[in-house]
Protein backbone atom coordinates (compact mmCIF):
# COMPACT_ATOMS: atom_id res chain seq x y z
CA MET A 1 24.52 -75.52 0.08
CA GLN A 2 23.10 -71.96 0.40
CA TYR A 3 19.91 -71.54 2.34
CA LEU A 4 17.36 -68.77 1.49
CA THR A 5 15.08 -67.23 4.08
CA PRO A 6 11.44 -67.73 3.13
CA LEU A 7 9.83 -64.55 1.79
CA LYS A 8 6.96 -64.76 4.25
CA TYR A 9 9.45 -64.24 7.10
CA ILE A 10 11.52 -61.46 5.56
CA THR A 11 8.67 -59.32 4.27
CA PRO A 12 7.26 -58.20 7.66
CA PHE A 13 10.73 -57.14 8.76
CA PHE A 14 11.36 -54.96 5.74
CA ALA A 15 7.83 -53.61 5.88
CA ALA A 16 8.40 -52.45 9.46
CA LEU A 17 11.77 -50.95 8.47
CA LEU A 18 10.10 -49.11 5.59
CA LEU A 19 7.47 -47.68 7.90
CA VAL A 20 10.14 -46.39 10.25
CA SER A 21 12.31 -44.87 7.51
CA CYS A 22 9.39 -43.24 5.66
CA GLY A 23 7.42 -42.12 8.71
CA GLN A 24 6.12 -38.56 8.94
CA PRO A 25 8.26 -36.04 10.86
CA GLU A 26 6.95 -35.19 14.28
CA ALA A 27 4.90 -32.02 14.67
CA VAL A 28 6.47 -29.06 16.49
CA PHE A 29 3.33 -27.01 17.10
CA THR A 30 0.32 -28.18 19.06
CA ASP A 31 -1.80 -25.06 18.54
CA GLU A 32 -1.56 -21.42 17.50
CA LEU A 33 -0.26 -20.45 20.96
CA SER A 34 2.79 -22.62 20.43
CA VAL A 35 3.49 -20.64 17.24
CA ARG A 36 3.39 -17.46 19.29
CA ASP A 37 5.68 -18.99 21.92
CA ALA A 38 8.19 -19.98 19.24
CA LEU A 39 8.19 -16.46 17.81
CA GLU A 40 8.86 -14.93 21.21
CA LYS A 41 12.21 -16.72 21.22
CA VAL A 42 13.34 -14.95 18.04
CA GLU A 43 15.66 -12.17 19.18
CA ASN A 44 17.33 -11.37 15.88
CA ALA A 45 16.89 -12.46 12.30
CA GLN A 46 17.95 -11.77 8.75
CA PHE A 47 15.63 -12.21 5.78
CA SER A 48 14.92 -11.32 2.20
CA ALA A 49 11.34 -10.56 1.20
CA HIS A 50 9.61 -10.16 -2.13
CA LEU A 51 6.49 -7.97 -2.14
CA ILE A 52 4.03 -7.63 -5.02
CA ASN A 53 1.23 -5.06 -4.95
CA GLN A 54 -1.44 -5.22 -7.65
CA THR A 55 -4.34 -2.83 -8.23
CA GLU A 56 -6.67 -4.11 -10.91
CA ALA A 57 -8.79 -0.95 -11.16
CA SER A 58 -5.82 1.20 -12.18
CA ASP A 59 -4.08 -1.65 -14.02
CA SER A 60 -0.95 -1.14 -11.92
CA LYS A 61 1.59 -3.46 -10.34
CA PHE A 62 4.88 -2.93 -8.57
CA ASN A 63 7.46 -5.05 -6.75
CA ARG A 64 9.74 -4.52 -3.79
CA ASP A 65 12.72 -6.66 -2.85
CA VAL A 66 13.72 -6.01 0.73
CA SER A 67 16.73 -7.34 2.60
CA LEU A 68 16.61 -6.73 6.33
CA GLU A 69 18.67 -7.48 9.42
CA TRP A 70 16.58 -7.00 12.57
CA ILE A 71 17.32 -7.30 16.25
CA SER A 72 15.15 -6.80 19.29
CA THR A 73 17.43 -4.78 21.50
CA HIS A 74 16.41 -6.52 24.70
CA ALA A 75 18.65 -9.24 23.25
CA VAL A 76 21.66 -6.97 23.70
CA GLY A 77 20.65 -5.63 27.10
CA ASP A 78 19.45 -2.20 25.99
CA SER A 79 15.93 -1.42 27.18
CA SER A 80 15.95 2.22 26.04
CA TYR A 81 14.50 1.31 22.65
CA GLY A 82 12.72 -1.66 21.14
CA ALA A 83 14.46 -2.63 17.92
CA ALA A 84 17.29 -1.95 15.51
CA TRP A 85 17.60 -2.81 11.84
CA ASN A 86 19.36 -2.33 8.55
CA VAL A 87 17.19 -2.28 5.43
CA THR A 88 17.98 -2.45 1.72
CA ASP A 89 14.86 -1.71 -0.29
CA VAL A 90 14.64 -2.08 -4.09
CA TYR A 91 11.47 -0.72 -5.70
CA SER A 92 10.66 -1.90 -9.23
CA GLN A 93 7.95 -0.83 -11.67
CA ASP A 94 7.76 -0.94 -15.47
CA GLY A 95 11.34 -2.14 -15.70
CA ASP A 96 12.75 0.75 -13.63
CA SER A 97 14.37 0.16 -10.24
CA LEU A 98 15.14 2.44 -7.33
CA ARG A 99 17.36 1.38 -4.43
CA LEU A 100 16.87 2.84 -0.94
CA TRP A 101 18.72 2.29 2.35
CA SER A 102 17.72 2.90 5.93
CA HIS A 103 19.25 2.05 9.30
CA LEU A 104 18.04 2.31 12.90
CA TRP A 105 20.42 2.28 15.84
CA ALA A 106 20.43 4.06 19.20
CA ASN A 107 17.16 5.90 18.55
CA SER A 108 18.40 7.41 15.30
CA ILE A 109 17.25 6.57 11.77
CA SER A 110 19.63 7.13 8.87
CA ARG A 111 18.16 7.02 5.38
CA ILE A 112 19.32 7.34 1.80
CA GLY A 113 16.37 8.14 -0.44
CA GLY A 114 15.83 8.19 -4.17
CA ASP A 115 17.72 11.50 -4.39
CA SER A 116 20.83 9.81 -2.85
CA VAL A 117 20.75 12.27 0.06
CA LEU A 118 21.74 10.86 3.45
CA THR A 119 19.57 12.14 6.30
CA SER A 120 19.26 11.28 10.00
CA ASN A 121 16.33 11.75 12.36
CA ASP A 122 15.52 10.87 15.95
CA TYR A 123 13.06 8.03 16.46
CA ASP A 124 11.41 6.47 19.50
CA PRO A 125 10.23 2.90 18.80
CA GLN A 126 8.34 2.90 22.10
CA ASN A 127 6.13 5.91 21.40
CA GLY A 128 3.03 3.74 21.05
CA SER A 129 2.38 4.67 17.43
CA GLY A 130 2.47 1.05 16.28
CA GLU A 131 4.93 1.96 13.51
CA ASN A 132 8.26 0.22 13.12
CA GLY A 133 10.12 3.27 11.82
CA ILE A 134 11.01 2.00 8.34
CA PRO A 135 10.49 5.08 6.14
CA ASN A 136 8.60 3.43 3.27
CA TYR A 137 5.12 2.05 3.95
CA TYR A 138 5.51 -1.06 1.80
CA ALA A 139 9.06 -1.84 2.90
CA ALA A 140 7.81 -1.49 6.50
CA LYS A 141 5.20 -4.18 5.80
CA THR A 142 7.96 -6.73 5.20
CA LEU A 143 9.04 -6.55 8.86
CA PRO A 144 6.44 -8.85 10.46
CA ALA A 145 4.52 -6.90 13.10
CA MET A 146 4.31 -9.84 15.51
CA LEU A 147 8.09 -9.71 16.04
CA GLY A 148 7.80 -6.47 17.99
CA ASP A 149 4.14 -6.29 19.00
CA THR A 150 3.23 -8.61 21.86
CA ALA A 151 -0.47 -7.76 21.45
CA TRP A 152 -0.53 -8.78 17.76
CA TRP A 153 -1.95 -12.25 18.39
CA ALA A 154 -4.77 -11.03 20.59
CA ASN A 155 -5.65 -8.31 18.10
CA GLN A 156 -6.17 -10.86 15.32
CA VAL A 157 -8.97 -12.63 17.17
CA GLY A 158 -10.42 -9.81 19.25
CA ASP A 159 -12.69 -8.22 16.64
CA SER A 160 -16.26 -9.53 16.39
CA LEU A 161 -16.44 -8.33 12.77
CA VAL A 162 -13.58 -10.61 11.69
CA ARG A 163 -13.94 -14.33 10.99
CA VAL A 164 -10.82 -16.24 12.12
CA VAL A 165 -9.81 -19.66 10.76
CA TRP A 166 -6.70 -21.60 11.82
CA GLU A 167 -5.33 -24.47 9.74
CA HIS A 168 -2.61 -26.82 10.98
CA VAL A 169 -0.63 -28.37 8.12
CA MET A 170 1.36 -31.36 9.36
CA PRO A 171 4.99 -31.78 8.29
CA THR A 172 5.98 -34.08 5.45
CA ARG A 173 9.34 -35.12 4.07
CA SER A 174 9.10 -32.33 1.48
CA GLN A 175 7.31 -29.58 3.41
CA ALA A 176 7.81 -28.02 6.82
CA GLU A 177 4.99 -27.90 9.31
CA GLN A 178 2.80 -24.82 8.97
CA PHE A 179 0.11 -22.96 10.84
CA ILE A 180 -2.11 -20.85 8.57
CA LEU A 181 -4.18 -17.97 9.91
CA THR A 182 -6.94 -16.59 7.66
CA THR A 183 -9.05 -13.63 8.72
CA THR A 184 -12.05 -12.38 6.75
CA ASP A 185 -13.90 -9.14 7.38
CA ILE A 186 -17.57 -9.44 8.29
CA GLN A 187 -19.54 -6.38 7.20
CA ASP A 188 -22.04 -4.71 9.48
CA PRO A 189 -25.20 -4.03 7.41
CA GLU A 190 -26.09 -1.23 9.82
CA SER A 191 -22.85 0.64 9.16
CA GLU A 192 -22.83 3.77 7.00
CA ASP A 193 -19.91 2.26 5.08
CA TYR A 194 -21.74 -0.98 4.26
CA HIS A 195 -21.63 -2.10 0.65
CA PRO A 196 -22.51 -5.63 -0.51
CA GLU A 197 -19.41 -5.89 -2.72
CA THR A 198 -16.90 -4.73 -0.10
CA THR A 199 -14.50 -7.50 0.99
CA GLY A 200 -11.35 -7.88 3.02
CA SER A 201 -9.14 -10.80 3.99
CA GLN A 202 -5.66 -11.61 5.25
CA ARG A 203 -3.75 -14.87 5.19
CA TRP A 204 -0.58 -15.63 7.19
CA VAL A 205 1.51 -18.78 6.80
CA PHE A 206 3.77 -19.52 9.80
CA GLU A 207 6.39 -22.24 9.52
CA ALA A 208 8.06 -24.54 12.04
CA PRO A 209 10.31 -24.71 13.92
CA HIS A 210 10.82 -20.94 14.40
CA GLY A 211 7.19 -19.88 13.85
CA LEU A 212 8.19 -17.06 11.52
CA PRO A 213 5.86 -16.15 8.62
CA VAL A 214 6.89 -17.32 5.16
CA GLN A 215 3.93 -15.84 3.28
CA HIS A 216 1.32 -13.14 3.74
CA GLU A 217 -1.55 -12.01 1.52
CA ASN A 218 -3.70 -8.96 2.18
CA ALA A 219 -6.63 -8.45 -0.21
CA TRP A 220 -9.31 -5.78 0.07
CA TYR A 221 -11.94 -4.25 -2.17
CA ARG A 222 -14.17 -1.21 -1.62
CA GLY A 223 -17.46 -1.84 -3.37
CA ASP A 224 -18.57 1.79 -3.21
CA MET A 225 -15.47 2.88 -5.13
CA ALA A 226 -14.85 -0.28 -7.22
CA TYR A 227 -11.29 -0.19 -5.99
CA GLY A 228 -9.02 -2.53 -4.08
CA THR A 229 -5.59 -4.15 -4.00
CA VAL A 230 -3.90 -7.48 -3.44
CA MET A 231 -0.53 -7.42 -1.68
CA THR A 232 1.55 -10.56 -1.24
CA ILE A 233 4.83 -10.99 0.64
CA ASP A 234 7.11 -14.03 0.52
CA TRP A 235 9.92 -14.35 3.07
CA GLU A 236 13.15 -16.32 3.06
CA TRP A 237 14.73 -16.39 6.52
CA THR A 238 18.48 -16.85 6.25
CA THR A 239 19.78 -16.22 9.80
CA ILE A 240 17.95 -16.54 13.12
CA ASN A 241 19.31 -15.80 16.62
CA ASP A 242 22.88 -15.36 15.45
CA ALA A 243 25.21 -12.79 17.01
CA GLY A 244 26.40 -11.83 13.53
CA VAL A 245 23.10 -10.08 12.89
CA GLU A 246 23.69 -7.73 15.82
CA LEU A 247 27.19 -6.95 14.57
CA ALA A 248 25.95 -6.28 11.06
CA VAL A 249 23.36 -3.79 12.30
CA ALA A 250 25.63 -2.08 14.82
CA ASN A 251 28.50 -1.70 12.34
CA TRP A 252 26.45 -0.53 9.35
CA ILE A 253 28.25 2.03 7.20
CA ALA A 254 26.35 4.19 4.73
CA PRO A 255 27.34 3.71 1.06
CA LYS A 256 29.98 6.21 -0.01
CA TRP A 257 27.79 7.66 -2.74
CA GLY A 258 25.22 8.91 -0.19
CA LYS A 259 25.21 12.69 -0.47
CA GLU A 260 25.05 15.12 2.42
CA PRO A 261 21.91 17.31 2.38
CA GLU A 262 22.19 20.85 1.09
CA PRO A 263 22.37 23.52 3.79
CA GLU A 264 18.93 24.85 4.61
CA ALA A 265 18.28 28.33 3.32
CA ALA A 266 17.72 30.97 5.95
CA GLU A 267 14.04 31.62 6.56
CA VAL A 268 12.71 34.92 5.35
CA ALA A 269 10.33 36.69 7.72
CA GLY A 270 6.77 36.24 6.54
CA GLY A 271 7.77 33.49 4.10
CA GLY A 272 5.69 30.53 3.03
CA GLY A 273 5.26 27.13 4.62
CA GLU A 274 2.70 28.07 7.25
CA ASN A 275 -0.31 26.98 5.21
CA TRP A 276 0.21 24.35 2.53
CA PHE A 277 -3.38 24.52 1.27
CA ASP A 278 -3.33 28.28 0.71
CA GLU A 279 0.06 28.08 -0.99
CA ALA A 280 -1.16 25.35 -3.36
CA MET A 281 -4.33 27.28 -4.17
CA ALA A 282 -2.33 30.42 -4.87
CA THR A 283 -0.41 28.69 -7.66
CA LEU A 284 -3.59 27.72 -9.56
CA PRO A 285 -5.20 29.89 -12.25
CA ALA A 286 -6.92 32.76 -10.49
CA LEU A 287 -10.62 33.35 -9.98
CA ASP A 288 -12.30 35.60 -12.54
CA SER A 289 -9.48 34.95 -15.03
CA GLU A 290 -9.79 33.03 -18.27
CA ALA A 291 -9.06 29.31 -17.89
CA PRO A 292 -5.80 28.44 -19.64
CA ALA A 293 -6.02 26.35 -22.81
CA LEU A 294 -6.13 22.60 -22.31
CA THR A 295 -5.99 19.89 -24.96
CA GLY A 296 -5.86 16.11 -24.87
CA LEU A 297 -7.62 12.98 -26.08
CA ASP A 298 -11.05 11.66 -25.18
CA LEU A 299 -11.69 8.02 -24.27
CA ALA A 300 -12.11 7.14 -27.95
CA GLY A 301 -8.66 8.57 -28.73
CA GLU A 302 -10.02 11.62 -30.51
CA PRO A 303 -8.61 15.14 -29.90
CA ILE A 304 -10.54 17.25 -27.44
CA SER A 305 -9.94 20.76 -26.13
CA LEU A 306 -11.38 23.06 -23.52
CA GLU A 307 -11.98 25.64 -26.23
CA GLU A 308 -14.54 23.34 -27.87
CA LEU A 309 -16.70 23.63 -24.75
CA ARG A 310 -16.88 27.43 -24.84
CA GLY A 311 -20.53 28.40 -24.42
CA GLN A 312 -21.19 25.73 -21.80
CA LEU A 313 -20.81 25.71 -18.04
CA VAL A 314 -17.87 23.34 -17.45
CA TYR A 315 -16.82 21.46 -14.32
CA LEU A 316 -13.13 20.64 -14.83
CA ASP A 317 -12.10 17.75 -12.55
CA PHE A 318 -8.42 16.71 -12.20
CA TRP A 319 -8.49 13.17 -10.79
CA TYR A 320 -7.07 9.63 -11.02
CA ILE A 321 -8.04 6.07 -10.11
CA GLY A 322 -6.62 5.41 -6.66
CA CYS A 323 -7.49 8.81 -5.19
CA GLY A 324 -10.21 8.06 -2.63
CA PRO A 325 -11.96 11.47 -2.69
CA CYS A 326 -11.77 11.47 -6.51
CA MET A 327 -13.49 8.10 -6.78
CA ARG A 328 -16.11 9.00 -4.18
CA ALA A 329 -16.94 12.15 -6.17
CA LEU A 330 -17.52 10.35 -9.49
CA PRO A 331 -21.10 9.10 -8.88
CA HIS A 332 -22.19 12.63 -7.97
CA LEU A 333 -20.43 14.12 -10.98
CA ALA A 334 -22.15 11.58 -13.23
CA GLY A 335 -25.47 12.59 -11.65
CA MET A 336 -24.73 16.25 -12.29
CA GLN A 337 -23.89 15.47 -15.91
CA GLU A 338 -27.19 13.65 -16.36
CA GLU A 339 -29.29 16.27 -14.56
CA PHE A 340 -27.77 19.50 -15.82
CA GLY A 341 -26.27 18.37 -19.13
CA PRO A 342 -29.37 19.23 -21.21
CA GLU A 343 -29.15 22.81 -19.91
CA GLY A 344 -25.62 23.35 -21.24
CA PHE A 345 -23.45 21.86 -18.49
CA THR A 346 -20.49 19.49 -18.98
CA VAL A 347 -18.34 17.60 -16.52
CA LEU A 348 -14.85 17.04 -17.94
CA GLY A 349 -12.56 14.71 -16.03
CA VAL A 350 -8.85 15.28 -16.61
CA ASN A 351 -6.55 12.29 -16.00
CA GLN A 352 -2.84 12.07 -16.77
CA HIS A 353 -2.22 8.93 -14.71
CA GLN A 354 -4.12 6.11 -16.46
CA SER A 355 -4.78 4.95 -20.01
CA ALA A 356 -8.07 5.40 -21.85
CA LYS A 357 -8.71 1.65 -21.66
CA THR A 358 -8.24 1.60 -17.90
CA VAL A 359 -10.40 4.69 -17.28
CA GLN A 360 -13.18 3.45 -19.57
CA ARG A 361 -13.19 0.04 -17.93
CA TYR A 362 -13.37 1.60 -14.47
CA LEU A 363 -16.29 3.88 -15.42
CA ASP A 364 -18.14 1.03 -17.14
CA ARG A 365 -17.88 -1.20 -14.08
CA ARG A 366 -19.43 1.54 -11.98
CA GLU A 367 -21.98 2.28 -14.72
CA LEU A 368 -20.92 5.94 -14.78
CA VAL A 369 -20.90 8.32 -17.73
CA VAL A 370 -18.41 11.14 -17.19
CA PRO A 371 -16.65 12.73 -20.22
CA GLN A 372 -12.87 12.52 -19.98
CA MET A 373 -9.76 14.26 -21.29
CA LEU A 374 -6.52 12.23 -21.05
CA LEU A 375 -3.13 13.95 -20.87
CA ASP A 376 0.43 12.71 -21.12
CA SER A 377 1.41 15.23 -18.45
CA LEU A 378 0.09 18.33 -16.75
CA PRO A 379 0.79 21.62 -18.51
CA GLU A 380 2.61 24.28 -16.49
CA THR A 381 -0.53 26.41 -16.62
CA TYR A 382 -2.32 23.88 -14.38
CA PRO A 383 0.16 23.19 -11.52
CA VAL A 384 -2.10 20.69 -9.73
CA VAL A 385 -0.48 19.21 -6.60
CA ALA A 386 -3.47 17.57 -4.87
CA TYR A 387 -6.44 15.55 -6.06
CA PRO A 388 -9.15 16.15 -6.85
CA THR A 389 -8.58 19.74 -7.93
CA TRP A 390 -11.58 21.25 -9.69
CA PHE A 391 -12.64 24.40 -11.51
CA LEU A 392 -16.09 25.65 -12.48
CA LEU A 393 -15.82 27.59 -15.74
CA GLY A 394 -18.49 29.99 -16.98
CA ARG A 395 -19.89 29.92 -20.51
CA ASP A 396 -17.33 32.62 -21.39
CA GLY A 397 -14.42 30.47 -20.14
CA GLN A 398 -13.88 32.52 -16.97
CA ILE A 399 -13.09 30.74 -13.71
CA ILE A 400 -16.10 31.09 -11.41
CA GLU A 401 -14.87 28.83 -8.58
CA ARG A 402 -12.04 26.44 -7.82
CA ASP A 403 -11.07 24.16 -4.94
CA MET A 404 -9.25 21.00 -3.88
CA GLY A 405 -10.79 17.91 -2.31
CA TYR A 406 -14.22 16.34 -2.04
CA SER A 407 -16.23 15.68 1.12
CA GLU A 408 -19.80 14.78 2.06
CA ASP A 409 -20.82 18.45 1.88
CA THR A 410 -19.18 19.14 -1.49
CA GLY A 411 -21.91 17.52 -3.59
CA ALA A 412 -24.72 19.76 -2.32
CA TYR A 413 -22.50 22.81 -2.69
CA LEU A 414 -21.69 21.93 -6.30
CA ASP A 415 -25.35 21.42 -7.16
CA SER A 416 -26.28 24.86 -5.87
CA LEU A 417 -23.23 26.44 -7.54
CA VAL A 418 -24.07 24.93 -10.92
CA GLN A 419 -27.76 25.85 -10.67
CA ALA A 420 -26.85 29.43 -9.82
CA ASN A 421 -24.64 29.76 -12.93
CA LEU A 422 -26.55 27.86 -15.62
């Protein structure tokens, strides 16, 4: 005869077994300092990172895919410099891709840029600049600063105008333990830069057991310019504290298609290069000459030309959304248009970077009225190399004044200049 164990006796046993087998993994971190301590043990690592940068005001977005092998050189007994790395950087926008390489070893950076030219320069990682030496700004952002900056942690919580929030996410069977750091800017109402719509925040997600970041988001918005960006980075760490990383960096060989730079031409006595601003100004249409013809489309898509404005005093403003001085100038230009327009004055913005829809949306959100001419590209007769570049044209089409840039003093100068020539 077969005997069966009563259910009331077997159930507690299996219930206890179930609790043991399905229990939560134990936490690795106790606080944010333990995350820092874990990171200090990372001496070399290999990762791939995906970066997305979006700017809503200019309706632009680009991606970077970065592969990087990094070592802190104290791990190999060399205290003469702080780090070494090998970077593959792929930049993508509108379906087009550009691949770049760079390599740091023994205080020398080798780089292959978009022109395929291989160049080398000296670099001192311990010069106190806070830079990590990677040539491209966005690719450099994918190398987490806290790997090489021992003061990084203190800097995150040492500013009284930053709100700091830590969140400890306990491990589960499907997700690793995380520590999340969120910092939010606190505006000072007494500051000259205060604007009620200005915001700024950063979010870092650190993951156990190594403490390395797996996600970062940096979002900021300047209310006075109606402009800001959101940048996100996602990391996948493939190798940590493995001697193979050091070998890969030390033995890096530049791709065979990297071209040697052209020999530098011998300098001619008295040649250019001493003053970039003067050289750029010298290429623009000259003062007291007739402004070259210029045609494009207005914001409604209708043809517009400079010739149509003959008989008016015209302020010609070459600008784009994303140029800080350009955007700071716009409210003053709109004020000039409103004040002096009835007397025969016209501001004409010239933009070859953004679409009519994007420009109109940006102006509407700032409640600005500034007439615009949109171009597919700059004509050779207006070789603009810096923004904003502006011209004041007389009623006869002659160039009265021209300049590059916009500062706090420019507005008052423009007002007096326009009044003197109306």
